[in-house]
Amino acid sequence: MALWKVKTGDDFISFGEETRRKLTPSACNEPFKGRFWCPRKQWFFREPCPFINKRECYNYRQICGSY
């Protein structure tokens, strides 16, 4: 059972009870209270990801061989 969950929809993203319009279509690097959401890892990071979208992230992982 999750205590706090991040959910994404077509145009919206929810951080627990707070819902707002997504800034990017892929929901990558969505800012929330000084942290940035990564949909691939399902976690927050202190700095934004260097990749523009999920596809760029996927291509990098394929080239480097890391999953």
PDB file of N, CA and C in Angstrom:
ATOM      1  N   MET A   1       0.830  -1.178   0.000  1.00  0.00           N
ATOM      2  CA  MET A   1       0.000   0.000   0.000  1.00  0.00           C
ATOM      3  C   MET A   1       0.879   1.248   0.000  1.00  0.00           C
ATOM      4  N   ALA A   2       0.670   2.118  -0.960  1.00  0.00           N
ATOM      5  CA  ALA A   2       1.450   3.346  -1.068  1.00  0.00           C
ATOM      6  C   ALA A   2       0.845   4.436  -0.192  1.00  0.00           C
ATOM      7  N   LEU A   3       1.687   5.168   0.481  1.00  0.00           N
ATOM      8  CA  LEU A   3       1.223   6.279   1.297  1.00  0.00           C
ATOM      9  C   LEU A   3       1.031   7.534   0.462  1.00  0.00           C
ATOM     10  N   TRP A   4       1.864   7.671  -0.565  1.00  0.00           N
ATOM     11  CA  TRP A   4       1.843   8.853  -1.402  1.00  0.00           C
ATOM     12  C   TRP A   4       2.167   8.402  -2.807  1.00  0.00           C
ATOM     13  N   LYS A   5       1.373   8.778  -3.797  1.00  0.00           N
ATOM     14  CA  LYS A   5       1.538   8.257  -5.138  1.00  0.00           C
ATOM     15  C   LYS A   5       1.549   9.376  -6.171  1.00  0.00           C
ATOM     16  N   VAL A   6       2.384   9.205  -7.198  1.00  0.00           N
ATOM     17  CA  VAL A   6       2.405  10.116  -8.340  1.00  0.00           C
ATOM     18  C   VAL A   6       1.675   9.413  -9.479  1.00  0.00           C
ATOM     19  N   LYS A   7       0.688  10.115 -10.044  1.00  0.00           N
ATOM     20  CA  LYS A   7      -0.094   9.551 -11.146  1.00  0.00           C
ATOM     21  C   LYS A   7      -0.079  10.531 -12.312  1.00  0.00           C
ATOM     22  N   THR A   8       0.016   9.984 -13.525  1.00  0.00           N
ATOM     23  CA  THR A   8      -0.050  10.828 -14.711  1.00  0.00           C
ATOM     24  C   THR A   8      -1.236  10.416 -15.558  1.00  0.00           C
ATOM     25  N   GLY A   9      -1.876  11.417 -16.132  1.00  0.00           N
ATOM     26  CA  GLY A   9      -2.977  11.197 -17.051  1.00  0.00           C
ATOM     27  C   GLY A   9      -2.627  11.798 -18.398  1.00  0.00           C
ATOM     28  N   ASP A  10      -3.629  12.040 -19.223  1.00  0.00           N
ATOM     29  CA  ASP A  10      -3.371  12.613 -20.546  1.00  0.00           C
ATOM     30  C   ASP A  10      -2.739  13.996 -20.454  1.00  0.00           C
ATOM     31  N   ASP A  11      -3.343  14.879 -19.696  1.00  0.00           N
ATOM     32  CA  ASP A  11      -2.840  16.250 -19.583  1.00  0.00           C
ATOM     33  C   ASP A  11      -2.452  16.649 -18.171  1.00  0.00           C
ATOM     34  N   PHE A  12      -2.679  15.766 -17.197  1.00  0.00           N
ATOM     35  CA  PHE A  12      -2.472  16.144 -15.805  1.00  0.00           C
ATOM     36  C   PHE A  12      -1.532  15.180 -15.089  1.00  0.00           C
ATOM     37  N   ILE A  13      -0.906  15.700 -14.033  1.00  0.00           N
ATOM     38  CA  ILE A  13      -0.063  14.892 -13.168  1.00  0.00           C
ATOM     39  C   ILE A  13      -0.483  15.179 -11.733  1.00  0.00           C
ATOM     40  N   SER A  14      -0.538  14.135 -10.922  1.00  0.00           N
ATOM     41  CA  SER A  14      -0.934  14.277  -9.525  1.00  0.00           C
ATOM     42  C   SER A  14       0.203  13.840  -8.621  1.00  0.00           C
ATOM     43  N   PHE A  15       0.549  14.706  -7.693  1.00  0.00           N
ATOM     44  CA  PHE A  15       1.530  14.400  -6.651  1.00  0.00           C
ATOM     45  C   PHE A  15       0.744  14.296  -5.359  1.00  0.00           C
ATOM     46  N   GLY A  16       0.360  13.104  -4.983  1.00  0.00           N
ATOM     47  CA  GLY A  16      -0.494  12.931  -3.813  1.00  0.00           C
ATOM     48  C   GLY A  16      -1.851  13.556  -4.086  1.00  0.00           C
ATOM     49  N   GLU A  17      -2.235  14.547  -3.305  1.00  0.00           N
ATOM     50  CA  GLU A  17      -3.522  15.233  -3.472  1.00  0.00           C
ATOM     51  C   GLU A  17      -3.446  16.416  -4.426  1.00  0.00           C
ATOM     52  N   GLU A  18      -2.234  16.876  -4.764  1.00  0.00           N
ATOM     53  CA  GLU A  18      -2.072  18.039  -5.633  1.00  0.00           C
ATOM     54  C   GLU A  18      -2.075  17.614  -7.104  1.00  0.00           C
ATOM     55  N   THR A  19      -2.960  18.210  -7.897  1.00  0.00           N
ATOM     56  CA  THR A  19      -3.064  17.907  -9.327  1.00  0.00           C
ATOM     57  C   THR A  19      -2.852  19.186 -10.121  1.00  0.00           C
ATOM     58  N   ARG A  20      -2.080  19.061 -11.199  1.00  0.00           N
ATOM     59  CA  ARG A  20      -1.865  20.202 -12.091  1.00  0.00           C
ATOM     60  C   ARG A  20      -1.606  19.707 -13.505  1.00  0.00           C
ATOM     61  N   ARG A  21      -1.611  20.641 -14.446  1.00  0.00           N
ATOM     62  CA  ARG A  21      -1.343  20.311 -15.844  1.00  0.00           C
ATOM     63  C   ARG A  21       0.141  19.955 -16.012  1.00  0.00           C
ATOM     64  N   LYS A  22       0.434  18.930 -16.811  1.00  0.00           N
ATOM     65  CA  LYS A  22       1.817  18.530 -17.054  1.00  0.00           C
ATOM     66  C   LYS A  22       2.545  19.606 -17.851  1.00  0.00           C
ATOM     67  N   LEU A  23       3.823  19.786 -17.562  1.00  0.00           N
ATOM     68  CA  LEU A  23       4.641  20.740 -18.299  1.00  0.00           C
ATOM     69  C   LEU A  23       5.214  20.117 -19.566  1.00  0.00           C
ATOM     70  N   THR A  24       5.426  18.808 -19.542  1.00  0.00           N
ATOM     71  CA  THR A  24       5.941  18.093 -20.715  1.00  0.00           C
ATOM     72  C   THR A  24       5.014  16.922 -21.025  1.00  0.00           C
ATOM     73  N   PRO A  25       4.890  16.556 -22.289  1.00  0.00           N
ATOM     74  CA  PRO A  25       3.999  15.447 -22.634  1.00  0.00           C
ATOM     75  C   PRO A  25       4.389  14.108 -21.999  1.00  0.00           C
ATOM     76  N   SER A  26       5.686  13.872 -21.806  1.00  0.00           N
ATOM     77  CA  SER A  26       6.141  12.592 -21.267  1.00  0.00           C
ATOM     78  C   SER A  26       6.209  12.562 -19.741  1.00  0.00           C
ATOM     79  N   ALA A  27       5.991  13.701 -19.095  1.00  0.00           N
ATOM     80  CA  ALA A  27       6.052  13.846 -17.629  1.00  0.00           C
ATOM     81  C   ALA A  27       7.470  13.689 -17.086  1.00  0.00           C
ATOM     82  N   CYS A  28       8.468  13.784 -17.946  1.00  0.00           N
ATOM     83  CA  CYS A  28       9.867  13.748 -17.492  1.00  0.00           C
ATOM     84  C   CYS A  28      10.235  15.102 -16.902  1.00  0.00           C
ATOM     85  N   ASN A  29      10.995  15.073 -15.824  1.00  0.00           N
ATOM     86  CA  ASN A  29      11.489  16.280 -15.161  1.00  0.00           C
ATOM     87  C   ASN A  29      10.383  17.203 -14.678  1.00  0.00           C
ATOM     88  N   GLU A  30       9.269  16.656 -14.271  1.00  0.00           N
ATOM     89  CA  GLU A  30       8.196  17.482 -13.718  1.00  0.00           C
ATOM     90  C   GLU A  30       8.635  17.991 -12.347  1.00  0.00           C
ATOM     91  N   PRO A  31       8.726  19.309 -12.161  1.00  0.00           N
ATOM     92  CA  PRO A  31       9.183  19.834 -10.874  1.00  0.00           C
ATOM     93  C   PRO A  31       8.104  19.737  -9.803  1.00  0.00           C
ATOM     94  N   PHE A  32       8.548  19.449  -8.582  1.00  0.00           N
ATOM     95  CA  PHE A  32       7.655  19.423  -7.432  1.00  0.00           C
ATOM     96  C   PHE A  32       8.481  19.689  -6.183  1.00  0.00           C
ATOM     97  N   LYS A  33       8.281  20.846  -5.590  1.00  0.00           N
ATOM     98  CA  LYS A  33       8.966  21.243  -4.351  1.00  0.00           C
ATOM     99  C   LYS A  33      10.484  21.081  -4.425  1.00  0.00           C
ATOM    100  N   GLY A  34      11.077  21.588  -5.491  1.00  0.00           N
ATOM    101  CA  GLY A  34      12.529  21.575  -5.622  1.00  0.00           C
ATOM    102  C   GLY A  34      13.129  20.260  -6.092  1.00  0.00           C
ATOM    103  N   ARG A  35      12.310  19.298  -6.426  1.00  0.00           N
ATOM    104  CA  ARG A  35      12.776  18.009  -6.940  1.00  0.00           C
ATOM    105  C   ARG A  35      12.173  17.778  -8.316  1.00  0.00           C
ATOM    106  N   PHE A  36      12.728  16.812  -9.065  1.00  0.00           N
ATOM    107  CA  PHE A  36      12.277  16.535 -10.416  1.00  0.00           C
ATOM    108  C   PHE A  36      11.886  15.069 -10.546  1.00  0.00           C
ATOM    109  N   TRP A  37      10.710  14.820 -11.082  1.00  0.00           N
ATOM    110  CA  TRP A  37      10.142  13.477 -11.192  1.00  0.00           C
ATOM    111  C   TRP A  37      10.688  12.746 -12.414  1.00  0.00           C
ATOM    112  N   CYS A  38      11.097  11.492 -12.218  1.00  0.00           N
ATOM    113  CA  CYS A  38      11.524  10.612 -13.307  1.00  0.00           C
ATOM    114  C   CYS A  38      10.501   9.487 -13.430  1.00  0.00           C
ATOM    115  N   PRO A  39       9.717   9.461 -14.516  1.00  0.00           N
ATOM    116  CA  PRO A  39       8.704   8.420 -14.654  1.00  0.00           C
ATOM    117  C   PRO A  39       9.294   7.022 -14.861  1.00  0.00           C
ATOM    118  N   ARG A  40      10.487   6.941 -15.420  1.00  0.00           N
ATOM    119  CA  ARG A  40      11.109   5.632 -15.639  1.00  0.00           C
ATOM    120  C   ARG A  40      11.495   4.989 -14.315  1.00  0.00           C
ATOM    121  N   LYS A  41      12.121   5.750 -13.428  1.00  0.00           N
ATOM    122  CA  LYS A  41      12.553   5.209 -12.138  1.00  0.00           C
ATOM    123  C   LYS A  41      11.495   5.354 -11.056  1.00  0.00           C
ATOM    124  N   GLN A  42      10.426   6.119 -11.357  1.00  0.00           N
ATOM    125  CA  GLN A  42       9.366   6.350 -10.377  1.00  0.00           C
ATOM    126  C   GLN A  42       9.937   6.944  -9.095  1.00  0.00           C
ATOM    127  N   TRP A  43      10.775   7.995  -9.268  1.00  0.00           N
ATOM    128  CA  TRP A  43      11.455   8.594  -8.128  1.00  0.00           C
ATOM    129  C   TRP A  43      11.745  10.060  -8.409  1.00  0.00           C
ATOM    130  N   PHE A  44      12.035  10.819  -7.361  1.00  0.00           N
ATOM    131  CA  PHE A  44      12.412  12.222  -7.482  1.00  0.00           C
ATOM    132  C   PHE A  44      13.923  12.364  -7.407  1.00  0.00           C
ATOM    133  N   PHE A  45      14.461  13.329  -8.166  1.00  0.00           N
ATOM    134  CA  PHE A  45      15.888  13.619  -8.162  1.00  0.00           C
ATOM    135  C   PHE A  45      16.108  15.089  -7.857  1.00  0.00           C
ATOM    136  N   ARG A  46      17.278  15.422  -7.328  1.00  0.00           N
ATOM    137  CA  ARG A  46      17.583  16.808  -6.962  1.00  0.00           C
ATOM    138  C   ARG A  46      17.813  17.690  -8.170  1.00  0.00           C
ATOM    139  N   GLU A  47      18.342  17.109  -9.241  1.00  0.00           N
ATOM    140  CA  GLU A  47      18.622  17.872 -10.457  1.00  0.00           C
ATOM    141  C   GLU A  47      17.811  17.298 -11.602  1.00  0.00           C
ATOM    142  N   PRO A  48      17.455  18.125 -12.576  1.00  0.00           N
ATOM    143  CA  PRO A  48      16.700  17.603 -13.714  1.00  0.00           C
ATOM    144  C   PRO A  48      17.542  16.632 -14.537  1.00  0.00           C
ATOM    145  N   CYS A  49      16.884  15.696 -15.130  1.00  0.00           N
ATOM    146  CA  CYS A  49      17.525  14.719 -16.008  1.00  0.00           C
ATOM    147  C   CYS A  49      18.076  15.440 -17.242  1.00  0.00           C
ATOM    148  N   PRO A  50      19.226  15.033 -17.755  1.00  0.00           N
ATOM    149  CA  PRO A  50      19.784  15.702 -18.935  1.00  0.00           C
ATOM    150  C   PRO A  50      19.038  15.360 -20.228  1.00  0.00           C
ATOM    151  N   PHE A  51      18.167  14.376 -20.191  1.00  0.00           N
ATOM    152  CA  PHE A  51      17.443  13.971 -21.384  1.00  0.00           C
ATOM    153  C   PHE A  51      16.164  14.777 -21.545  1.00  0.00           C
ATOM    154  N   ILE A  52      15.774  15.007 -22.775  1.00  0.00           N
ATOM    155  CA  ILE A  52      14.609  15.832 -23.075  1.00  0.00           C
ATOM    156  C   ILE A  52      13.302  15.073 -22.872  1.00  0.00           C
ATOM    157  N   ASN A  53      13.307  13.767 -23.176  1.00  0.00           N
ATOM    158  CA  ASN A  53      12.078  12.977 -23.060  1.00  0.00           C
ATOM    159  C   ASN A  53      12.422  11.512 -22.805  1.00  0.00           C
ATOM    160  N   LYS A  54      11.396  10.689 -22.679  1.00  0.00           N
ATOM    161  CA  LYS A  54      11.592   9.260 -22.393  1.00  0.00           C
ATOM    162  C   LYS A  54      12.327   8.553 -23.522  1.00  0.00           C
ATOM    163  N   ARG A  55      12.064   8.953 -24.754  1.00  0.00           N
ATOM    164  CA  ARG A  55      12.697   8.303 -25.908  1.00  0.00           C
ATOM    165  C   ARG A  55      14.214   8.518 -25.892  1.00  0.00           C
ATOM    166  N   GLU A  56      14.638   9.728 -25.607  1.00  0.00           N
ATOM    167  CA  GLU A  56      16.066  10.021 -25.538  1.00  0.00           C
ATOM    168  C   GLU A  56      16.726   9.220 -24.419  1.00  0.00           C
ATOM    169  N   CYS A  57      16.049   9.099 -23.297  1.00  0.00           N
ATOM    170  CA  CYS A  57      16.539   8.309 -22.163  1.00  0.00           C
ATOM    171  C   CYS A  57      16.670   6.836 -22.581  1.00  0.00           C
ATOM    172  N   TYR A  58      15.656   6.327 -23.247  1.00  0.00           N
ATOM    173  CA  TYR A  58      15.654   4.940 -23.711  1.00  0.00           C
ATOM    174  C   TYR A  58      16.803   4.696 -24.692  1.00  0.00           C
ATOM    175  N   ASN A  59      16.995   5.607 -25.641  1.00  0.00           N
ATOM    176  CA  ASN A  59      18.076   5.447 -26.618  1.00  0.00           C
ATOM    177  C   ASN A  59      19.439   5.419 -25.937  1.00  0.00           C
ATOM    178  N   TYR A  60      19.642   6.283 -24.949  1.00  0.00           N
ATOM    179  CA  TYR A  60      20.901   6.305 -24.215  1.00  0.00           C
ATOM    180  C   TYR A  60      21.136   4.974 -23.494  1.00  0.00           C
ATOM    181  N   ARG A  61      20.105   4.461 -22.862  1.00  0.00           N
ATOM    182  CA  ARG A  61      20.230   3.181 -22.141  1.00  0.00           C
ATOM    183  C   ARG A  61      20.524   2.042 -23.112  1.00  0.00           C
ATOM    184  N   GLN A  62      19.943   2.079 -24.298  1.00  0.00           N
ATOM    185  CA  GLN A  62      20.205   1.046 -25.306  1.00  0.00           C
ATOM    186  C   GLN A  62      21.659   1.105 -25.791  1.00  0.00           C
ATOM    187  N   ILE A  63      22.150   2.307 -26.038  1.00  0.00           N
ATOM    188  CA  ILE A  63      23.518   2.471 -26.526  1.00  0.00           C
ATOM    189  C   ILE A  63      24.532   2.046 -25.465  1.00  0.00           C
ATOM    190  N   CYS A  64      24.275   2.420 -24.215  1.00  0.00           N
ATOM    191  CA  CYS A  64      25.213   2.101 -23.129  1.00  0.00           C
ATOM    192  C   CYS A  64      25.080   0.669 -22.618  1.00  0.00           C
ATOM    193  N   GLY A  65      23.951   0.049 -22.897  1.00  0.00           N
ATOM    194  CA  GLY A  65      23.750  -1.321 -22.449  1.00  0.00           C
ATOM    195  C   GLY A  65      23.243  -1.429 -21.028  1.00  0.00           C
ATOM    196  N   SER A  66      22.790  -0.326 -20.446  1.00  0.00           N
ATOM    197  CA  SER A  66      22.256  -0.387 -19.082  1.00  0.00           C
ATOM    198  C   SER A  66      20.739  -0.359 -19.132  1.00  0.00           C
ATOM    199  N   TYR A  67      20.118  -1.106 -18.241  1.00  0.00           N
ATOM    200  CA  TYR A  67      18.653  -1.142 -18.225  1.00  0.00           C
ATOM    201  C   TYR A  67      18.207  -0.757 -16.891  1.00  0.00           C
TER     202      TYR A  67
END
